[in-house]
Amino acid sequence: MKIKSREKRDKILELQEKIRELNEKRPEGNLRQIEKEIEKIDWKIQTTSLPLNEEQTLVNRVKQLEAQLSVQRQTKKLKEQLLELRSREKSFGLEAKNLHEKLSELAEQSQKFHEQMLEALDNARKLQVEADDFHQKFVETKQQAQKTHQQCVELGEKIRAIRQELKQEADKKQAERQSKTQKELEKRALEKLKRGEKLLWEEFQILAEKGLL
């Protein structure tokens, strides 16, 4: 953008310099006046019988006027180019101003987006720290739960062992009680049998099992 603007400015300065140089060579009078004078002289040469020296003077004059006319036309063309360039420069300046305003607006938006991005990154870092803490606590809790579960398993095994031991002890005592009861029943039945007393069914049954009847 700056390079194009500088190029246009240099071109304008170049045209201004050429116009200045042409203005120094330009005679008095405008373009139309010179054209009229040339037409007048041409008409005179074509319609009037003139001495040779006078006709040559008029021809030389026409040449001078045509040279002046060429200068006038070049000046006019350069002025038109200069006017067009200045118009373009003005338009280009407005465009550059608009672009500058848009760039400023975009820069402001970019700054806001940058600030928002930094804020989002900061929040993300905080969330990551919280997530790491939660994960660490989860791992610790899981490890503690596994430890507690293992303790529960071990305690359950101990309880089952104790129950088994208690059951065996109870069965043993029950067997002892039953054996003692049978012996007492057997003794009582034998004594009754010796005395000739009537036996109860249980007494009869236990003596029969023992083969004492």
C-alpha atoms as a PDB file:
ATOM      1  CA  MET A   1       0.000   0.000   0.000  1.00  0.00           C
ATOM      2  CA  LYS A   2       2.776   2.465   0.931  1.00  0.00           C
ATOM      3  CA  ILE A   3       4.823   1.518  -2.144  1.00  0.00           C
ATOM      4  CA  LYS A   4       1.892   2.181  -4.496  1.00  0.00           C
ATOM      5  CA  SER A   5       1.172   5.495  -2.797  1.00  0.00           C
ATOM      6  CA  ARG A   6       4.818   6.548  -3.153  1.00  0.00           C
ATOM      7  CA  GLU A   7       4.815   5.536  -6.827  1.00  0.00           C
ATOM      8  CA  LYS A   8       1.739   7.680  -7.506  1.00  0.00           C
ATOM      9  CA  ARG A   9       3.274  10.590  -5.630  1.00  0.00           C
ATOM     10  CA  ASP A  10       6.511  10.305  -7.639  1.00  0.00           C
ATOM     11  CA  LYS A  11       4.500  10.192 -10.882  1.00  0.00           C
ATOM     12  CA  ILE A  12       2.597  13.342  -9.885  1.00  0.00           C
ATOM     13  CA  LEU A  13       5.854  15.154  -9.135  1.00  0.00           C
ATOM     14  CA  GLU A  14       7.244  14.000 -12.483  1.00  0.00           C
ATOM     15  CA  LEU A  15       4.195  15.315 -14.363  1.00  0.00           C
ATOM     16  CA  GLN A  16       4.306  18.613 -12.473  1.00  0.00           C
ATOM     17  CA  GLU A  17       7.944  19.041 -13.488  1.00  0.00           C
ATOM     18  CA  LYS A  18       7.137  18.344 -17.154  1.00  0.00           C
ATOM     19  CA  ILE A  19       4.233  20.794 -17.072  1.00  0.00           C
ATOM     20  CA  ARG A  20       6.515  23.425 -15.529  1.00  0.00           C
ATOM     21  CA  GLU A  21       9.071  22.896 -18.270  1.00  0.00           C
ATOM     22  CA  LEU A  22       6.381  23.110 -20.968  1.00  0.00           C
ATOM     23  CA  ASN A  23       4.907  26.247 -19.382  1.00  0.00           C
ATOM     24  CA  GLU A  24       8.302  27.897 -19.699  1.00  0.00           C
ATOM     25  CA  LYS A  25       8.243  27.175 -23.456  1.00  0.00           C
ATOM     26  CA  ARG A  26       4.554  27.927 -23.900  1.00  0.00           C
ATOM     27  CA  PRO A  27       3.725  31.234 -25.646  1.00  0.00           C
ATOM     28  CA  GLU A  28       0.996  33.590 -24.628  1.00  0.00           C
ATOM     29  CA  GLY A  29      -2.489  32.623 -25.652  1.00  0.00           C
ATOM     30  CA  ASN A  30      -4.529  29.558 -25.239  1.00  0.00           C
ATOM     31  CA  LEU A  31      -4.901  26.496 -27.431  1.00  0.00           C
ATOM     32  CA  ARG A  32      -7.947  27.768 -29.315  1.00  0.00           C
ATOM     33  CA  GLN A  33      -6.360  31.118 -30.089  1.00  0.00           C
ATOM     34  CA  ILE A  34      -3.297  29.435 -31.645  1.00  0.00           C
ATOM     35  CA  GLU A  35      -5.515  27.113 -33.716  1.00  0.00           C
ATOM     36  CA  LYS A  36      -7.509  30.106 -35.014  1.00  0.00           C
ATOM     37  CA  GLU A  37      -4.351  31.957 -35.950  1.00  0.00           C
ATOM     38  CA  ILE A  38      -3.026  28.907 -37.852  1.00  0.00           C
ATOM     39  CA  GLU A  39      -6.348  28.543 -39.681  1.00  0.00           C
ATOM     40  CA  LYS A  40      -6.305  32.248 -40.567  1.00  0.00           C
ATOM     41  CA  ILE A  41      -2.772  32.102 -41.983  1.00  0.00           C
ATOM     42  CA  ASP A  42      -3.518  28.883 -43.911  1.00  0.00           C
ATOM     43  CA  TRP A  43      -6.584  30.490 -45.424  1.00  0.00           C
ATOM     44  CA  LYS A  44      -4.615  33.537 -46.418  1.00  0.00           C
ATOM     45  CA  ILE A  45      -1.864  31.441 -48.057  1.00  0.00           C
ATOM     46  CA  GLN A  46      -4.424  29.348 -49.945  1.00  0.00           C
ATOM     47  CA  THR A  47      -6.655  32.203 -51.120  1.00  0.00           C
ATOM     48  CA  THR A  48      -4.230  35.064 -51.633  1.00  0.00           C
ATOM     49  CA  SER A  49      -1.501  35.547 -54.211  1.00  0.00           C
ATOM     50  CA  LEU A  50       1.504  36.584 -52.162  1.00  0.00           C
ATOM     51  CA  PRO A  51       5.101  37.428 -52.942  1.00  0.00           C
ATOM     52  CA  LEU A  52       7.427  34.509 -52.311  1.00  0.00           C
ATOM     53  CA  ASN A  53       9.219  36.082 -49.391  1.00  0.00           C
ATOM     54  CA  GLU A  54       5.940  37.013 -47.637  1.00  0.00           C
ATOM     55  CA  GLU A  55       4.506  33.510 -48.199  1.00  0.00           C
ATOM     56  CA  GLN A  56       7.662  32.000 -46.775  1.00  0.00           C
ATOM     57  CA  THR A  57       7.336  34.250 -43.724  1.00  0.00           C
ATOM     58  CA  LEU A  58       3.760  33.066 -43.227  1.00  0.00           C
ATOM     59  CA  VAL A  59       4.811  29.408 -43.629  1.00  0.00           C
ATOM     60  CA  ASN A  60       7.514  29.890 -41.006  1.00  0.00           C
ATOM     61  CA  ARG A  61       4.953  31.518 -38.775  1.00  0.00           C
ATOM     62  CA  VAL A  62       2.649  28.508 -39.164  1.00  0.00           C
ATOM     63  CA  LYS A  63       5.503  26.211 -38.220  1.00  0.00           C
ATOM     64  CA  GLN A  64       6.140  28.270 -35.105  1.00  0.00           C
ATOM     65  CA  LEU A  65       2.454  28.231 -34.208  1.00  0.00           C
ATOM     66  CA  GLU A  66       2.225  24.459 -34.776  1.00  0.00           C
ATOM     67  CA  ALA A  67       5.203  23.968 -32.489  1.00  0.00           C
ATOM     68  CA  GLN A  68       3.457  26.138 -29.923  1.00  0.00           C
ATOM     69  CA  LEU A  69       0.249  24.174 -30.515  1.00  0.00           C
ATOM     70  CA  SER A  70       2.122  20.938 -29.883  1.00  0.00           C
ATOM     71  CA  VAL A  71       3.424  22.355 -26.628  1.00  0.00           C
ATOM     72  CA  GLN A  72      -0.083  23.465 -25.673  1.00  0.00           C
ATOM     73  CA  ARG A  73      -1.503  20.030 -26.457  1.00  0.00           C
ATOM     74  CA  GLN A  74       1.240  18.253 -24.526  1.00  0.00           C
ATOM     75  CA  THR A  75       0.618  20.587 -21.609  1.00  0.00           C
ATOM     76  CA  LYS A  76      -3.115  19.918 -21.780  1.00  0.00           C
ATOM     77  CA  LYS A  77      -2.558  16.153 -21.960  1.00  0.00           C
ATOM     78  CA  LEU A  78      -0.134  16.253 -19.044  1.00  0.00           C
ATOM     79  CA  LYS A  79      -2.573  18.364 -17.017  1.00  0.00           C
ATOM     80  CA  GLU A  80      -5.310  15.834 -17.715  1.00  0.00           C
ATOM     81  CA  GLN A  81      -2.996  13.022 -16.620  1.00  0.00           C
ATOM     82  CA  LEU A  82      -2.041  15.030 -13.554  1.00  0.00           C
ATOM     83  CA  LEU A  83      -5.698  15.644 -12.730  1.00  0.00           C
ATOM     84  CA  GLU A  84      -6.462  11.936 -13.132  1.00  0.00           C
ATOM     85  CA  LEU A  85      -3.496  10.974 -10.967  1.00  0.00           C
ATOM     86  CA  ARG A  86      -4.510  13.449  -8.272  1.00  0.00           C
ATOM     87  CA  SER A  87      -8.040  12.049  -8.391  1.00  0.00           C
ATOM     88  CA  ARG A  88      -6.648   8.555  -8.066  1.00  0.00           C
ATOM     89  CA  GLU A  89      -4.349   9.687  -5.298  1.00  0.00           C
ATOM     90  CA  LYS A  90      -7.292  11.167  -3.429  1.00  0.00           C
ATOM     91  CA  SER A  91      -9.336   8.015  -3.964  1.00  0.00           C
ATOM     92  CA  PHE A  92      -6.337   5.953  -2.959  1.00  0.00           C
ATOM     93  CA  GLY A  93      -5.923   8.093   0.138  1.00  0.00           C
ATOM     94  CA  LEU A  94      -9.551   7.522   1.116  1.00  0.00           C
ATOM     95  CA  GLU A  95      -9.129   3.820   0.489  1.00  0.00           C
ATOM     96  CA  ALA A  96      -5.946   3.813   2.556  1.00  0.00           C
ATOM     97  CA  LYS A  97      -7.747   5.656   5.340  1.00  0.00           C
ATOM     98  CA  ASN A  98     -10.586   3.132   5.279  1.00  0.00           C
ATOM     99  CA  LEU A  99      -8.102   0.276   5.281  1.00  0.00           C
ATOM    100  CA  HIS A 100      -6.231   1.875   8.154  1.00  0.00           C
ATOM    101  CA  GLU A 101      -9.467   2.215  10.116  1.00  0.00           C
ATOM    102  CA  LYS A 102     -10.332  -1.421   9.362  1.00  0.00           C
ATOM    103  CA  LEU A 103      -6.832  -2.511  10.356  1.00  0.00           C
ATOM    104  CA  SER A 104      -7.148  -0.546  13.589  1.00  0.00           C
ATOM    105  CA  GLU A 105     -10.516  -2.169  14.230  1.00  0.00           C
ATOM    106  CA  LEU A 106      -9.101  -5.620  13.445  1.00  0.00           C
ATOM    107  CA  ALA A 107      -6.105  -4.921  15.667  1.00  0.00           C
ATOM    108  CA  GLU A 108      -8.459  -3.966  18.508  1.00  0.00           C
ATOM    109  CA  GLN A 109     -10.524  -7.117  17.949  1.00  0.00           C
ATOM    110  CA  SER A 110      -7.321  -9.159  17.763  1.00  0.00           C
ATOM    111  CA  GLN A 111      -6.224  -7.709  21.094  1.00  0.00           C
ATOM    112  CA  LYS A 112      -9.588  -8.621  22.641  1.00  0.00           C
ATOM    113  CA  PHE A 113      -9.379 -12.126  21.202  1.00  0.00           C
ATOM    114  CA  HIS A 114      -5.817 -12.403  22.512  1.00  0.00           C
ATOM    115  CA  GLU A 115      -6.932 -11.354  25.982  1.00  0.00           C
ATOM    116  CA  GLN A 116      -9.850 -13.797  25.845  1.00  0.00           C
ATOM    117  CA  MET A 117      -7.492 -16.541  24.695  1.00  0.00           C
ATOM    118  CA  LEU A 118      -5.100 -15.815  27.581  1.00  0.00           C
ATOM    119  CA  GLU A 119      -8.033 -15.884  30.001  1.00  0.00           C
ATOM    120  CA  ALA A 120      -9.249 -19.178  28.507  1.00  0.00           C
ATOM    121  CA  LEU A 121      -5.745 -20.652  28.782  1.00  0.00           C
ATOM    122  CA  ASP A 122      -5.526 -19.519  32.401  1.00  0.00           C
ATOM    123  CA  ASN A 123      -8.903 -21.105  33.151  1.00  0.00           C
ATOM    124  CA  ALA A 124      -7.805 -24.257  31.340  1.00  0.00           C
ATOM    125  CA  ARG A 125      -4.645 -24.415  33.462  1.00  0.00           C
ATOM    126  CA  LYS A 126      -6.711 -23.989  36.637  1.00  0.00           C
ATOM    127  CA  LEU A 127      -9.119 -26.709  35.519  1.00  0.00           C
ATOM    128  CA  GLN A 128      -6.161 -28.970  34.712  1.00  0.00           C
ATOM    129  CA  VAL A 129      -4.765 -28.423  38.199  1.00  0.00           C
ATOM    130  CA  GLU A 130      -8.181 -29.211  39.715  1.00  0.00           C
ATOM    131  CA  ALA A 131      -8.509 -32.281  37.495  1.00  0.00           C
ATOM    132  CA  ASP A 132      -5.045 -33.461  38.588  1.00  0.00           C
ATOM    133  CA  ASP A 133      -6.028 -32.965  42.252  1.00  0.00           C
ATOM    134  CA  PHE A 134      -9.293 -34.864  41.755  1.00  0.00           C
ATOM    135  CA  HIS A 135      -7.428 -37.653  39.968  1.00  0.00           C
ATOM    136  CA  GLN A 136      -4.873 -37.882  42.752  1.00  0.00           C
ATOM    137  CA  LYS A 137      -7.644 -38.013  45.357  1.00  0.00           C
ATOM    138  CA  PHE A 138      -9.443 -40.645  43.292  1.00  0.00           C
ATOM    139  CA  VAL A 139      -6.290 -42.771  43.116  1.00  0.00           C
ATOM    140  CA  GLU A 140      -5.735 -42.395  46.855  1.00  0.00           C
ATOM    141  CA  THR A 141      -9.384 -43.215  47.610  1.00  0.00           C
ATOM    142  CA  LYS A 142      -9.255 -46.227  45.290  1.00  0.00           C
ATOM    143  CA  GLN A 143      -6.092 -47.465  46.966  1.00  0.00           C
ATOM    144  CA  GLN A 144      -7.686 -46.957  50.388  1.00  0.00           C
ATOM    145  CA  ALA A 145     -10.835 -48.783  49.216  1.00  0.00           C
ATOM    146  CA  GLN A 146      -8.720 -51.679  47.942  1.00  0.00           C
ATOM    147  CA  LYS A 147      -6.874 -51.785  51.241  1.00  0.00           C
ATOM    148  CA  THR A 148     -10.152 -51.725  53.185  1.00  0.00           C
ATOM    149  CA  HIS A 149     -11.580 -54.427  50.904  1.00  0.00           C
ATOM    150  CA  GLN A 150      -8.521 -56.608  51.525  1.00  0.00           C
ATOM    151  CA  GLN A 151      -8.908 -56.063  55.261  1.00  0.00           C
ATOM    152  CA  CYS A 152     -12.586 -57.024  54.968  1.00  0.00           C
ATOM    153  CA  VAL A 153     -11.649 -60.182  53.030  1.00  0.00           C
ATOM    154  CA  GLU A 154      -9.051 -61.107  55.640  1.00  0.00           C
ATOM    155  CA  LEU A 155     -11.502 -60.378  58.464  1.00  0.00           C
ATOM    156  CA  GLY A 156     -14.158 -62.468  56.718  1.00  0.00           C
ATOM    157  CA  GLU A 157     -11.731 -65.362  56.446  1.00  0.00           C
ATOM    158  CA  LYS A 158     -10.907 -65.055  60.157  1.00  0.00           C
ATOM    159  CA  ILE A 159     -14.619 -64.974  61.028  1.00  0.00           C
ATOM    160  CA  ARG A 160     -15.268 -68.099  58.923  1.00  0.00           C
ATOM    161  CA  ALA A 161     -12.313 -69.824  60.572  1.00  0.00           C
ATOM    162  CA  ILE A 162     -13.594 -68.895  64.035  1.00  0.00           C
ATOM    163  CA  ARG A 163     -17.110 -70.050  63.134  1.00  0.00           C
ATOM    164  CA  GLN A 164     -15.731 -73.340  61.839  1.00  0.00           C
ATOM    165  CA  GLU A 165     -13.701 -73.766  64.993  1.00  0.00           C
ATOM    166  CA  LEU A 166     -16.714 -72.936  67.183  1.00  0.00           C
ATOM    167  CA  LYS A 167     -18.873 -75.371  65.207  1.00  0.00           C
ATOM    168  CA  GLN A 168     -16.315 -78.118  65.583  1.00  0.00           C
ATOM    169  CA  GLU A 169     -16.082 -77.422  69.324  1.00  0.00           C
ATOM    170  CA  ALA A 170     -19.862 -77.397  69.634  1.00  0.00           C
ATOM    171  CA  ASP A 171     -20.166 -80.640  67.679  1.00  0.00           C
ATOM    172  CA  LYS A 172     -17.507 -82.195  69.894  1.00  0.00           C
ATOM    173  CA  LYS A 173     -19.307 -81.146  73.073  1.00  0.00           C
ATOM    174  CA  GLN A 174     -22.621 -82.303  71.651  1.00  0.00           C
ATOM    175  CA  ALA A 175     -21.110 -85.668  70.855  1.00  0.00           C
ATOM    176  CA  GLU A 176     -19.653 -85.874  74.341  1.00  0.00           C
ATOM    177  CA  ARG A 177     -23.008 -84.984  75.872  1.00  0.00           C
ATOM    178  CA  GLN A 178     -24.767 -87.583  73.732  1.00  0.00           C
ATOM    179  CA  SER A 179     -22.169 -90.221  74.653  1.00  0.00           C
ATOM    180  CA  LYS A 180     -22.505 -89.394  78.349  1.00  0.00           C
ATOM    181  CA  THR A 181     -26.279 -89.480  78.099  1.00  0.00           C
ATOM    182  CA  GLN A 182     -26.220 -92.844  76.357  1.00  0.00           C
ATOM    183  CA  LYS A 183     -23.868 -94.258  78.964  1.00  0.00           C
ATOM    184  CA  GLU A 184     -26.100 -93.023  81.774  1.00  0.00           C
ATOM    185  CA  LEU A 185     -29.158 -94.385  80.003  1.00  0.00           C
ATOM    186  CA  GLU A 186     -27.371 -97.695  79.426  1.00  0.00           C
ATOM    187  CA  LYS A 187     -26.317 -97.892  83.109  1.00  0.00           C
ATOM    188  CA  ARG A 188     -29.804 -97.089  84.322  1.00  0.00           C
ATOM    189  CA  ALA A 189     -31.328 -99.636  81.945  1.00  0.00           C
ATOM    190  CA  LEU A 190     -28.963-102.381  83.147  1.00  0.00           C
ATOM    191  CA  GLU A 191     -29.765-101.597  86.757  1.00  0.00           C
ATOM    192  CA  LYS A 192     -33.484-101.767  86.049  1.00  0.00           C
ATOM    193  CA  LEU A 193     -32.984-104.973  84.096  1.00  0.00           C
ATOM    194  CA  LYS A 194     -31.158-106.485  87.097  1.00  0.00           C
ATOM    195  CA  ARG A 195     -33.956-105.422  89.380  1.00  0.00           C
ATOM    196  CA  GLY A 196     -36.482-106.888  86.988  1.00  0.00           C
ATOM    197  CA  GLU A 197     -38.159-103.558  86.400  1.00  0.00           C
ATOM    198  CA  LYS A 198     -39.914-102.642  83.182  1.00  0.00           C
ATOM    199  CA  LEU A 199     -37.684-100.822  80.690  1.00  0.00           C
ATOM    200  CA  LEU A 200     -38.596 -97.691  78.744  1.00  0.00           C
ATOM    201  CA  TRP A 201     -38.429 -97.854  74.981  1.00  0.00           C
ATOM    202  CA  GLU A 202     -35.252 -95.788  74.837  1.00  0.00           C
ATOM    203  CA  GLU A 203     -33.679 -98.027  77.482  1.00  0.00           C
ATOM    204  CA  PHE A 204     -34.740-101.176  75.661  1.00  0.00           C
ATOM    205  CA  GLN A 205     -33.495 -99.803  72.330  1.00  0.00           C
ATOM    206  CA  ILE A 206     -30.034 -98.839  73.630  1.00  0.00           C
ATOM    207  CA  LEU A 207     -29.518-102.264  75.313  1.00  0.00           C
ATOM    208  CA  ALA A 208     -30.610-103.988  72.123  1.00  0.00           C
ATOM    209  CA  GLU A 209     -28.134-101.907  70.071  1.00  0.00           C
ATOM    210  CA  LYS A 210     -25.381-102.845  72.510  1.00  0.00           C
ATOM    211  CA  GLY A 211     -26.387-106.549  72.354  1.00  0.00           C
ATOM    212  CA  LEU A 212     -27.001-106.677  76.084  1.00  0.00           C
ATOM    213  CA  LEU A 213     -30.418-108.267  75.811  1.00  0.00           C
END
